[in-house]
Amino acid sequence: MYSPTAGQLTINEWPTLGSLIDSGKRVLAFMDNQADFSQVPYLIDEFSNMFEDAYGESSCSLLVVQPSLCSDKFADSQMSLSNLSGVD
């Protein structure tokens, strides 16, 4: 399981898929509540490291990634997570 070097990483500090595969660490675990890097470094705090688009989109035309759970200022520095609930 992947364990980051810090509790919060910018988008450019994350390993690539290739480097994860090469290292044999193919699992990333995120928690949305009470993740504590100092105690359990492999459980990554979700909202310190990524933003989500709106939940429940069901049309491909609506799948435009926009920060909804954090400020727009994070959109250029954090990973995005897309919530899909069945695409037309």
C-alpha atoms as a PDB file:
ATOM      1  CA  MET A   1       0.000   0.000   0.000  1.00  0.00           C
ATOM      2  CA  TYR A   2       1.278   3.459  -0.906  1.00  0.00           C
ATOM      3  CA  SER A   3       2.208   5.777   1.962  1.00  0.00           C
ATOM      4  CA  PRO A   4       2.891   9.428   1.024  1.00  0.00           C
ATOM      5  CA  THR A   5       5.886  11.372   2.320  1.00  0.00           C
ATOM      6  CA  ALA A   6       3.647  14.074   3.825  1.00  0.00           C
ATOM      7  CA  GLY A   7       0.045  14.474   4.906  1.00  0.00           C
ATOM      8  CA  GLN A   8      -0.724  16.838   2.033  1.00  0.00           C
ATOM      9  CA  LEU A   9       0.741  16.594  -1.449  1.00  0.00           C
ATOM     10  CA  THR A  10       0.318  18.823  -4.465  1.00  0.00           C
ATOM     11  CA  ILE A  11      -0.769  17.279  -7.748  1.00  0.00           C
ATOM     12  CA  ASN A  12       2.854  17.248  -8.971  1.00  0.00           C
ATOM     13  CA  GLU A  13       4.116  15.378  -5.883  1.00  0.00           C
ATOM     14  CA  TRP A  14       1.937  12.295  -6.394  1.00  0.00           C
ATOM     15  CA  PRO A  15       3.586   9.226  -7.916  1.00  0.00           C
ATOM     16  CA  THR A  16       2.645   8.220 -11.422  1.00  0.00           C
ATOM     17  CA  LEU A  17       0.719   5.023 -12.061  1.00  0.00           C
ATOM     18  CA  GLY A  18       3.876   3.555 -13.600  1.00  0.00           C
ATOM     19  CA  SER A  19       5.975   4.280 -10.509  1.00  0.00           C
ATOM     20  CA  LEU A  20       3.295   2.780  -8.260  1.00  0.00           C
ATOM     21  CA  ILE A  21       3.229  -0.394 -10.354  1.00  0.00           C
ATOM     22  CA  ASP A  22       7.026  -0.590 -10.447  1.00  0.00           C
ATOM     23  CA  SER A  23       7.214  -0.254  -6.655  1.00  0.00           C
ATOM     24  CA  GLY A  24       4.538  -2.915  -6.110  1.00  0.00           C
ATOM     25  CA  LYS A  25       2.372  -0.393  -4.240  1.00  0.00           C
ATOM     26  CA  ARG A  26      -0.844  -0.260  -6.245  1.00  0.00           C
ATOM     27  CA  VAL A  27      -3.344   0.704  -3.511  1.00  0.00           C
ATOM     28  CA  LEU A  28      -4.051   4.215  -2.259  1.00  0.00           C
ATOM     29  CA  ALA A  29      -6.428   4.508   0.712  1.00  0.00           C
ATOM     30  CA  PHE A  30      -8.255   7.786   1.351  1.00  0.00           C
ATOM     31  CA  MET A  31     -10.394   8.716   4.367  1.00  0.00           C
ATOM     32  CA  ASP A  32     -12.874  11.557   4.331  1.00  0.00           C
ATOM     33  CA  ASN A  33     -12.963  11.991   8.114  1.00  0.00           C
ATOM     34  CA  GLN A  34     -10.298  12.030  10.841  1.00  0.00           C
ATOM     35  CA  ALA A  35      -7.352  10.728   8.838  1.00  0.00           C
ATOM     36  CA  ASP A  36      -4.217  11.291  10.930  1.00  0.00           C
ATOM     37  CA  PHE A  37      -0.991  11.134   8.917  1.00  0.00           C
ATOM     38  CA  SER A  38       1.164  11.172  12.063  1.00  0.00           C
ATOM     39  CA  GLN A  39      -0.546   8.025  13.393  1.00  0.00           C
ATOM     40  CA  VAL A  40      -1.457   6.097  10.234  1.00  0.00           C
ATOM     41  CA  PRO A  41       0.470   7.535   7.278  1.00  0.00           C
ATOM     42  CA  TYR A  42      -1.020   5.199   4.663  1.00  0.00           C
ATOM     43  CA  LEU A  43      -4.583   6.456   5.323  1.00  0.00           C
ATOM     44  CA  ILE A  44      -4.570   9.657   3.281  1.00  0.00           C
ATOM     45  CA  ASP A  45      -6.834  12.577   4.162  1.00  0.00           C
ATOM     46  CA  GLU A  46      -9.105  12.958   1.153  1.00  0.00           C
ATOM     47  CA  PHE A  47     -10.016  16.632   1.359  1.00  0.00           C
ATOM     48  CA  SER A  48      -6.439  17.809   2.007  1.00  0.00           C
ATOM     49  CA  ASN A  49      -5.334  16.137  -1.209  1.00  0.00           C
ATOM     50  CA  MET A  50      -8.201  16.241  -3.695  1.00  0.00           C
ATOM     51  CA  PHE A  51     -11.438  17.921  -4.597  1.00  0.00           C
ATOM     52  CA  GLU A  52     -14.665  16.334  -5.803  1.00  0.00           C
ATOM     53  CA  ASP A  53     -17.082  17.311  -8.509  1.00  0.00           C
ATOM     54  CA  ALA A  54     -20.813  17.343  -7.822  1.00  0.00           C
ATOM     55  CA  TYR A  55     -22.191  13.966  -6.732  1.00  0.00           C
ATOM     56  CA  GLY A  56     -24.917  12.234  -8.707  1.00  0.00           C
ATOM     57  CA  GLU A  57     -24.216  13.376 -12.258  1.00  0.00           C
ATOM     58  CA  SER A  58     -25.666  10.882 -14.704  1.00  0.00           C
ATOM     59  CA  SER A  59     -25.074  12.473 -18.095  1.00  0.00           C
ATOM     60  CA  CYS A  60     -21.725  12.573 -19.874  1.00  0.00           C
ATOM     61  CA  SER A  61     -22.389  16.164 -20.902  1.00  0.00           C
ATOM     62  CA  LEU A  62     -22.522  17.150 -17.209  1.00  0.00           C
ATOM     63  CA  LEU A  63     -19.222  15.508 -16.270  1.00  0.00           C
ATOM     64  CA  VAL A  64     -17.146  18.665 -16.145  1.00  0.00           C
ATOM     65  CA  VAL A  65     -14.834  18.551 -13.145  1.00  0.00           C
ATOM     66  CA  GLN A  66     -15.471  21.583 -10.967  1.00  0.00           C
ATOM     67  CA  PRO A  67     -14.473  21.911  -7.317  1.00  0.00           C
ATOM     68  CA  SER A  68     -17.584  21.722  -5.175  1.00  0.00           C
ATOM     69  CA  LEU A  69     -16.384  20.718  -1.717  1.00  0.00           C
ATOM     70  CA  CYS A  70     -13.443  23.125  -1.501  1.00  0.00           C
ATOM     71  CA  SER A  71     -12.375  26.461  -2.858  1.00  0.00           C
ATOM     72  CA  ASP A  72     -11.553  26.915  -6.546  1.00  0.00           C
ATOM     73  CA  LYS A  73      -8.003  27.815  -5.500  1.00  0.00           C
ATOM     74  CA  PHE A  74      -7.264  24.093  -5.054  1.00  0.00           C
ATOM     75  CA  ALA A  75      -8.310  23.062  -8.567  1.00  0.00           C
ATOM     76  CA  ASP A  76      -4.832  23.673 -10.016  1.00  0.00           C
ATOM     77  CA  SER A  77      -2.934  22.007  -7.164  1.00  0.00           C
ATOM     78  CA  GLN A  78      -5.000  18.972  -6.137  1.00  0.00           C
ATOM     79  CA  MET A  79      -6.194  15.772  -7.749  1.00  0.00           C
ATOM     80  CA  SER A  80      -9.819  15.574  -8.791  1.00  0.00           C
ATOM     81  CA  LEU A  81     -12.283  12.828  -7.924  1.00  0.00           C
ATOM     82  CA  SER A  82     -15.294  12.281 -10.179  1.00  0.00           C
ATOM     83  CA  ASN A  83     -18.496  10.991  -8.666  1.00  0.00           C
ATOM     84  CA  LEU A  84     -20.539   8.944 -11.112  1.00  0.00           C
ATOM     85  CA  SER A  85     -23.925   7.434 -10.370  1.00  0.00           C
ATOM     86  CA  GLY A  86     -24.629   5.771 -13.693  1.00  0.00           C
ATOM     87  CA  VAL A  87     -23.829   7.409 -16.992  1.00  0.00           C
ATOM     88  CA  ASP A  88     -26.362   7.608 -19.837  1.00  0.00           C
END
